[in-house]
């Protein structure tokens, strides 16, 4: 394993953890500290979570379905 693949796996794990927290907040799991971290109201944060999770899923699909992906 090269250092590049190790770093990419670490970044993937961090992104998955962040998106998991956002997805949990979308289904109303009580994570009161998360909206306060971004200085947003809970309604704004819910919209932000929906946007970020949907955009990342579209981006992952586009990368996975592209012909140049290894």
PDB file of N, CA and C in Angstrom:
ATOM      1  N   UNK A   1       0.827  -1.176   0.000  1.00  0.00           N
ATOM      2  CA  UNK A   1       0.000   0.000   0.000  1.00  0.00           C
ATOM      3  C   UNK A   1       0.877   1.246   0.000  1.00  0.00           C
ATOM      4  N   UNK A   2       0.588   2.137  -0.912  1.00  0.00           N
ATOM      5  CA  UNK A   2       1.368   3.363  -0.950  1.00  0.00           C
ATOM      6  C   UNK A   2       0.784   4.373   0.024  1.00  0.00           C
ATOM      7  N   UNK A   3       1.547   5.415   0.270  1.00  0.00           N
ATOM      8  CA  UNK A   3       1.069   6.439   1.203  1.00  0.00           C
ATOM      9  C   UNK A   3      -0.152   7.171   0.642  1.00  0.00           C
ATOM     10  N   UNK A   4      -0.230   7.252  -0.690  1.00  0.00           N
ATOM     11  CA  UNK A   4      -1.387   7.916  -1.304  1.00  0.00           C
ATOM     12  C   UNK A   4      -2.677   7.148  -1.011  1.00  0.00           C
ATOM     13  N   UNK A   5      -2.652   5.846  -1.121  1.00  0.00           N
ATOM     14  CA  UNK A   5      -3.859   5.064  -0.850  1.00  0.00           C
ATOM     15  C   UNK A   5      -4.234   5.101   0.626  1.00  0.00           C
ATOM     16  N   UNK A   6      -3.239   5.145   1.496  1.00  0.00           N
ATOM     17  CA  UNK A   6      -3.516   5.226   2.934  1.00  0.00           C
ATOM     18  C   UNK A   6      -4.196   6.552   3.260  1.00  0.00           C
ATOM     19  N   UNK A   7      -3.684   7.640   2.709  1.00  0.00           N
ATOM     20  CA  UNK A   7      -4.274   8.956   2.942  1.00  0.00           C
ATOM     21  C   UNK A   7      -5.689   9.013   2.371  1.00  0.00           C
ATOM     22  N   UNK A   8      -5.899   8.432   1.197  1.00  0.00           N
ATOM     23  CA  UNK A   8      -7.232   8.437   0.601  1.00  0.00           C
ATOM     24  C   UNK A   8      -8.226   7.635   1.434  1.00  0.00           C
ATOM     25  N   UNK A   9      -7.781   6.528   2.019  1.00  0.00           N
ATOM     26  CA  UNK A   9      -8.663   5.746   2.889  1.00  0.00           C
ATOM     27  C   UNK A   9      -9.012   6.513   4.158  1.00  0.00           C
ATOM     28  N   UNK A  10      -8.065   7.245   4.702  1.00  0.00           N
ATOM     29  CA  UNK A  10      -8.330   8.058   5.889  1.00  0.00           C
ATOM     30  C   UNK A  10      -9.318   9.171   5.555  1.00  0.00           C
ATOM     31  N   UNK A  11      -9.122   9.836   4.419  1.00  0.00           N
ATOM     32  CA  UNK A  11     -10.049  10.886   3.997  1.00  0.00           C
ATOM     33  C   UNK A  11     -11.440  10.329   3.733  1.00  0.00           C
ATOM     34  N   UNK A  12     -11.512   9.160   3.131  1.00  0.00           N
ATOM     35  CA  UNK A  12     -12.813   8.517   2.915  1.00  0.00           C
ATOM     36  C   UNK A  12     -13.524   8.246   4.234  1.00  0.00           C
ATOM     37  N   UNK A  13     -12.793   7.763   5.207  1.00  0.00           N
ATOM     38  CA  UNK A  13     -13.397   7.473   6.509  1.00  0.00           C
ATOM     39  C   UNK A  13     -13.897   8.753   7.177  1.00  0.00           C
ATOM     40  N   UNK A  14     -13.137   9.836   7.076  1.00  0.00           N
ATOM     41  CA  UNK A  14     -13.575  11.099   7.658  1.00  0.00           C
ATOM     42  C   UNK A  14     -14.824  11.638   6.962  1.00  0.00           C
ATOM     43  N   UNK A  15     -14.855  11.550   5.650  1.00  0.00           N
ATOM     44  CA  UNK A  15     -16.013  12.035   4.896  1.00  0.00           C
ATOM     45  C   UNK A  15     -17.247  11.196   5.212  1.00  0.00           C
ATOM     46  N   UNK A  16     -17.071   9.885   5.294  1.00  0.00           N
ATOM     47  CA  UNK A  16     -18.199   9.007   5.612  1.00  0.00           C
ATOM     48  C   UNK A  16     -18.720   9.296   7.018  1.00  0.00           C
ATOM     49  N   UNK A  17     -17.822   9.541   7.965  1.00  0.00           N
ATOM     50  CA  UNK A  17     -18.256   9.860   9.328  1.00  0.00           C
ATOM     51  C   UNK A  17     -19.021  11.184   9.369  1.00  0.00           C
ATOM     52  N   UNK A  18     -18.539  12.191   8.648  1.00  0.00           N
ATOM     53  CA  UNK A  18     -19.220  13.484   8.619  1.00  0.00           C
ATOM     54  C   UNK A  18     -20.583  13.370   7.952  1.00  0.00           C
ATOM     55  N   UNK A  19     -20.649  12.652   6.837  1.00  0.00           N
ATOM     56  CA  UNK A  19     -21.931  12.474   6.161  1.00  0.00           C
ATOM     57  C   UNK A  19     -22.884  11.636   7.001  1.00  0.00           C
ATOM     58  N   UNK A  20     -22.356  10.701   7.756  1.00  0.00           N
ATOM     59  CA  UNK A  20     -23.203   9.923   8.662  1.00  0.00           C
ATOM     60  C   UNK A  20     -23.811  10.785   9.751  1.00  0.00           C
ATOM     61  N   UNK A  21     -23.018  11.712  10.302  1.00  0.00           N
ATOM     62  CA  UNK A  21     -23.561  12.637  11.296  1.00  0.00           C
ATOM     63  C   UNK A  21     -24.647  13.521  10.696  1.00  0.00           C
ATOM     64  N   UNK A  22     -24.412  13.993   9.463  1.00  0.00           N
ATOM     65  CA  UNK A  22     -25.425  14.811   8.811  1.00  0.00           C
ATOM     66  C   UNK A  22     -26.697  14.012   8.540  1.00  0.00           C
ATOM     67  N   UNK A  23     -26.538  12.764   8.121  1.00  0.00           N
ATOM     68  CA  UNK A  23     -27.709  11.923   7.866  1.00  0.00           C
ATOM     69  C   UNK A  23     -28.463  11.639   9.164  1.00  0.00           C
ATOM     70  N   UNK A  24     -27.755  11.445  10.256  1.00  0.00           N
ATOM     71  CA  UNK A  24     -28.419  11.238  11.540  1.00  0.00           C
ATOM     72  C   UNK A  24     -29.191  12.479  11.972  1.00  0.00           C
ATOM     73  N   UNK A  25     -28.637  13.648  11.686  1.00  0.00           N
ATOM     74  CA  UNK A  25     -29.350  14.862  12.063  1.00  0.00           C
ATOM     75  C   UNK A  25     -30.581  15.071  11.185  1.00  0.00           C
ATOM     76  N   UNK A  26     -30.559  14.548   9.970  1.00  0.00           N
ATOM     77  CA  UNK A  26     -31.730  14.675   9.095  1.00  0.00           C
ATOM     78  C   UNK A  26     -32.902  13.859   9.609  1.00  0.00           C
ATOM     79  N   UNK A  27     -32.637  12.738  10.265  1.00  0.00           N
ATOM     80  CA  UNK A  27     -33.720  11.912  10.797  1.00  0.00           C
ATOM     81  C   UNK A  27     -34.035  12.265  12.246  1.00  0.00           C
ATOM     82  N   UNK A  28     -33.605  13.450  12.654  1.00  0.00           N
ATOM     83  CA  UNK A  28     -33.946  14.053  13.945  1.00  0.00           C
ATOM     84  C   UNK A  28     -33.376  13.328  15.154  1.00  0.00           C
ATOM     85  N   UNK A  29     -32.212  12.709  15.002  1.00  0.00           N
ATOM     86  CA  UNK A  29     -31.508  12.191  16.174  1.00  0.00           C
ATOM     87  C   UNK A  29     -30.993  13.417  16.926  1.00  0.00           C
ATOM     88  N   UNK A  30     -31.177  13.503  18.218  1.00  0.00           N
ATOM     89  CA  UNK A  30     -30.831  14.738  18.944  1.00  0.00           C
ATOM     90  C   UNK A  30     -29.322  14.980  18.998  1.00  0.00           C
ATOM     91  N   UNK A  31     -28.856  15.768  18.073  1.00  0.00           N
ATOM     92  CA  UNK A  31     -27.458  16.188  18.039  1.00  0.00           C
ATOM     93  C   UNK A  31     -27.433  17.715  18.135  1.00  0.00           C
ATOM     94  N   UNK A  32     -27.776  18.247  19.294  1.00  0.00           N
ATOM     95  CA  UNK A  32     -27.912  19.684  19.456  1.00  0.00           C
ATOM     96  C   UNK A  32     -26.618  20.458  19.282  1.00  0.00           C
ATOM     97  N   UNK A  33     -25.499  19.823  19.521  1.00  0.00           N
ATOM     98  CA  UNK A  33     -24.227  20.516  19.413  1.00  0.00           C
ATOM     99  C   UNK A  33     -23.813  20.749  17.964  1.00  0.00           C
ATOM    100  N   UNK A  34     -24.335  19.942  17.036  1.00  0.00           N
ATOM    101  CA  UNK A  34     -23.897  20.049  15.643  1.00  0.00           C
ATOM    102  C   UNK A  34     -24.380  21.331  14.969  1.00  0.00           C
ATOM    103  N   UNK A  35     -25.661  21.728  15.076  1.00  0.00           N
ATOM    104  CA  UNK A  35     -26.056  23.015  14.496  1.00  0.00           C
ATOM    105  C   UNK A  35     -25.367  24.209  15.158  1.00  0.00           C
ATOM    106  N   UNK A  36     -25.115  24.095  16.463  1.00  0.00           N
ATOM    107  CA  UNK A  36     -24.414  25.194  17.149  1.00  0.00           C
ATOM    108  C   UNK A  36     -22.982  25.320  16.658  1.00  0.00           C
ATOM    109  N   UNK A  37     -22.390  24.212  16.239  1.00  0.00           N
ATOM    110  CA  UNK A  37     -21.026  24.245  15.718  1.00  0.00           C
ATOM    111  C   UNK A  37     -20.946  25.077  14.444  1.00  0.00           C
ATOM    112  N   UNK A  38     -21.982  25.014  13.619  1.00  0.00           N
ATOM    113  CA  UNK A  38     -22.022  25.765  12.368  1.00  0.00           C
ATOM    114  C   UNK A  38     -22.763  27.093  12.504  1.00  0.00           C
ATOM    115  N   UNK A  39     -23.201  27.459  13.710  1.00  0.00           N
ATOM    116  CA  UNK A  39     -23.934  28.702  13.985  1.00  0.00           C
ATOM    117  C   UNK A  39     -25.172  28.816  13.103  1.00  0.00           C
ATOM    118  N   UNK A  40     -25.996  27.771  13.087  1.00  0.00           N
ATOM    119  CA  UNK A  40     -27.227  27.746  12.298  1.00  0.00           C
ATOM    120  C   UNK A  40     -28.387  27.349  13.206  1.00  0.00           C
ATOM    121  N   UNK A  41     -29.582  27.752  12.781  1.00  0.00           N
ATOM    122  CA  UNK A  41     -30.762  27.252  13.481  1.00  0.00           C
ATOM    123  C   UNK A  41     -30.979  25.799  13.056  1.00  0.00           C
ATOM    124  N   UNK A  42     -31.838  25.098  13.764  1.00  0.00           N
ATOM    125  CA  UNK A  42     -32.037  23.684  13.432  1.00  0.00           C
ATOM    126  C   UNK A  42     -32.686  23.521  12.059  1.00  0.00           C
ATOM    127  N   UNK A  43     -33.561  24.455  11.670  1.00  0.00           N
ATOM    128  CA  UNK A  43     -34.191  24.370  10.349  1.00  0.00           C
ATOM    129  C   UNK A  43     -33.170  24.613   9.237  1.00  0.00           C
ATOM    130  N   UNK A  44     -32.305  25.616   9.424  1.00  0.00           N
ATOM    131  CA  UNK A  44     -31.253  25.874   8.440  1.00  0.00           C
ATOM    132  C   UNK A  44     -30.300  24.684   8.340  1.00  0.00           C
ATOM    133  N   UNK A  45     -29.978  24.122   9.482  1.00  0.00           N
ATOM    134  CA  UNK A  45     -29.053  22.995   9.480  1.00  0.00           C
ATOM    135  C   UNK A  45     -29.662  21.768   8.818  1.00  0.00           C
ATOM    136  N   UNK A  46     -30.963  21.574   8.980  1.00  0.00           N
ATOM    137  CA  UNK A  46     -31.622  20.449   8.331  1.00  0.00           C
ATOM    138  C   UNK A  46     -31.558  20.609   6.812  1.00  0.00           C
ATOM    139  N   UNK A  47     -31.813  21.805   6.312  1.00  0.00           N
ATOM    140  CA  UNK A  47     -31.693  22.056   4.876  1.00  0.00           C
ATOM    141  C   UNK A  47     -30.269  21.882   4.381  1.00  0.00           C
ATOM    142  N   UNK A  48     -29.320  22.360   5.173  1.00  0.00           N
ATOM    143  CA  UNK A  48     -27.908  22.193   4.827  1.00  0.00           C
ATOM    144  C   UNK A  48     -27.539  20.712   4.769  1.00  0.00           C
ATOM    145  N   UNK A  49     -28.028  19.931   5.715  1.00  0.00           N
ATOM    146  CA  UNK A  49     -27.730  18.494   5.749  1.00  0.00           C
ATOM    147  C   UNK A  49     -28.300  17.788   4.531  1.00  0.00           C
ATOM    148  N   UNK A  50     -29.547  18.111   4.184  1.00  0.00           N
ATOM    149  CA  UNK A  50     -30.163  17.490   3.014  1.00  0.00           C
ATOM    150  C   UNK A  50     -29.369  17.819   1.763  1.00  0.00           C
ATOM    151  N   UNK A  51     -28.972  19.083   1.615  1.00  0.00           N
ATOM    152  CA  UNK A  51     -28.215  19.492   0.439  1.00  0.00           C
ATOM    153  C   UNK A  51     -26.859  18.794   0.357  1.00  0.00           C
ATOM    154  N   UNK A  52     -26.123  18.773   1.457  1.00  0.00           N
ATOM    155  CA  UNK A  52     -24.775  18.191   1.439  1.00  0.00           C
ATOM    156  C   UNK A  52     -24.830  16.688   1.191  1.00  0.00           C
ATOM    157  N   UNK A  53     -25.748  15.984   1.840  1.00  0.00           N
ATOM    158  CA  UNK A  53     -25.838  14.532   1.659  1.00  0.00           C
ATOM    159  C   UNK A  53     -26.274  14.198   0.232  1.00  0.00           C
ATOM    160  N   UNK A  54     -27.277  14.922  -0.303  1.00  0.00           N
ATOM    161  CA  UNK A  54     -27.726  14.655  -1.668  1.00  0.00           C
ATOM    162  C   UNK A  54     -26.646  14.983  -2.690  1.00  0.00           C
ATOM    163  N   UNK A  55     -25.943  16.095  -2.495  1.00  0.00           N
ATOM    164  CA  UNK A  55     -24.882  16.469  -3.430  1.00  0.00           C
ATOM    165  C   UNK A  55     -23.724  15.473  -3.393  1.00  0.00           C
ATOM    166  N   UNK A  56     -23.375  14.994  -2.220  1.00  0.00           N
ATOM    167  CA  UNK A  56     -22.277  14.033  -2.140  1.00  0.00           C
ATOM    168  C   UNK A  56     -22.665  12.689  -2.745  1.00  0.00           C
ATOM    169  N   UNK A  57     -23.937  12.302  -2.593  1.00  0.00           N
ATOM    170  CA  UNK A  57     -24.374  11.049  -3.224  1.00  0.00           C
ATOM    171  C   UNK A  57     -24.353  11.172  -4.742  1.00  0.00           C
ATOM    172  N   UNK A  58     -24.774  12.322  -5.268  1.00  0.00           N
ATOM    173  CA  UNK A  58     -24.709  12.536  -6.722  1.00  0.00           C
ATOM    174  C   UNK A  58     -23.266  12.534  -7.215  1.00  0.00           C
ATOM    175  N   UNK A  59     -22.378  13.164  -6.459  1.00  0.00           N
ATOM    176  CA  UNK A  59     -20.970  13.200  -6.842  1.00  0.00           C
ATOM    177  C   UNK A  59     -20.353  11.807  -6.805  1.00  0.00           C
ATOM    178  N   UNK A  60     -20.677  11.016  -5.782  1.00  0.00           N
ATOM    179  CA  UNK A  60     -20.144   9.652  -5.710  1.00  0.00           C
ATOM    180  C   UNK A  60     -20.656   8.805  -6.865  1.00  0.00           C
ATOM    181  N   UNK A  61     -21.922   8.970  -7.227  1.00  0.00           N
ATOM    182  CA  UNK A  61     -22.476   8.231  -8.361  1.00  0.00           C
ATOM    183  C   UNK A  61     -21.797   8.638  -9.658  1.00  0.00           C
ATOM    184  N   UNK A  62     -21.558   9.938  -9.840  1.00  0.00           N
ATOM    185  CA  UNK A  62     -20.913  10.409 -11.062  1.00  0.00           C
ATOM    186  C   UNK A  62     -19.492   9.875 -11.184  1.00  0.00           C
ATOM    187  N   UNK A  63     -18.773   9.840 -10.067  1.00  0.00           N
ATOM    188  CA  UNK A  63     -17.403   9.333 -10.098  1.00  0.00           C
ATOM    189  C   UNK A  63     -17.402   7.825 -10.343  1.00  0.00           C
ATOM    190  N   UNK A  64     -18.301   7.115  -9.693  1.00  0.00           N
ATOM    191  CA  UNK A  64     -18.342   5.644  -9.839  1.00  0.00           C
ATOM    192  C   UNK A  64     -18.775   5.224 -11.230  1.00  0.00           C
ATOM    193  N   UNK A  65     -19.627   5.999 -11.872  1.00  0.00           N
ATOM    194  CA  UNK A  65     -20.120   5.598 -13.184  1.00  0.00           C
ATOM    195  C   UNK A  65     -19.320   6.160 -14.345  1.00  0.00           C
ATOM    196  N   UNK A  66     -18.289   6.960 -14.048  1.00  0.00           N
ATOM    197  CA  UNK A  66     -17.484   7.511 -15.136  1.00  0.00           C
ATOM    198  C   UNK A  66     -16.558   6.423 -15.694  1.00  0.00           C
ATOM    199  N   UNK A  67     -16.212   6.561 -16.948  1.00  0.00           N
ATOM    200  CA  UNK A  67     -15.373   5.559 -17.607  1.00  0.00           C
ATOM    201  C   UNK A  67     -13.920   5.647 -17.152  1.00  0.00           C
ATOM    202  N   UNK A  68     -13.489   6.808 -16.704  1.00  0.00           N
ATOM    203  CA  UNK A  68     -12.083   6.958 -16.350  1.00  0.00           C
ATOM    204  C   UNK A  68     -11.777   6.518 -14.925  1.00  0.00           C
ATOM    205  N   UNK A  69     -12.794   6.155 -14.165  1.00  0.00           N
ATOM    206  CA  UNK A  69     -12.551   5.689 -12.804  1.00  0.00           C
ATOM    207  C   UNK A  69     -11.880   4.321 -12.834  1.00  0.00           C
ATOM    208  N   UNK A  70     -10.858   4.134 -12.008  1.00  0.00           N
ATOM    209  CA  UNK A  70     -10.156   2.834 -12.039  1.00  0.00           C
ATOM    210  C   UNK A  70     -10.970   1.715 -11.407  1.00  0.00           C
TER     211      UNK A  70
END
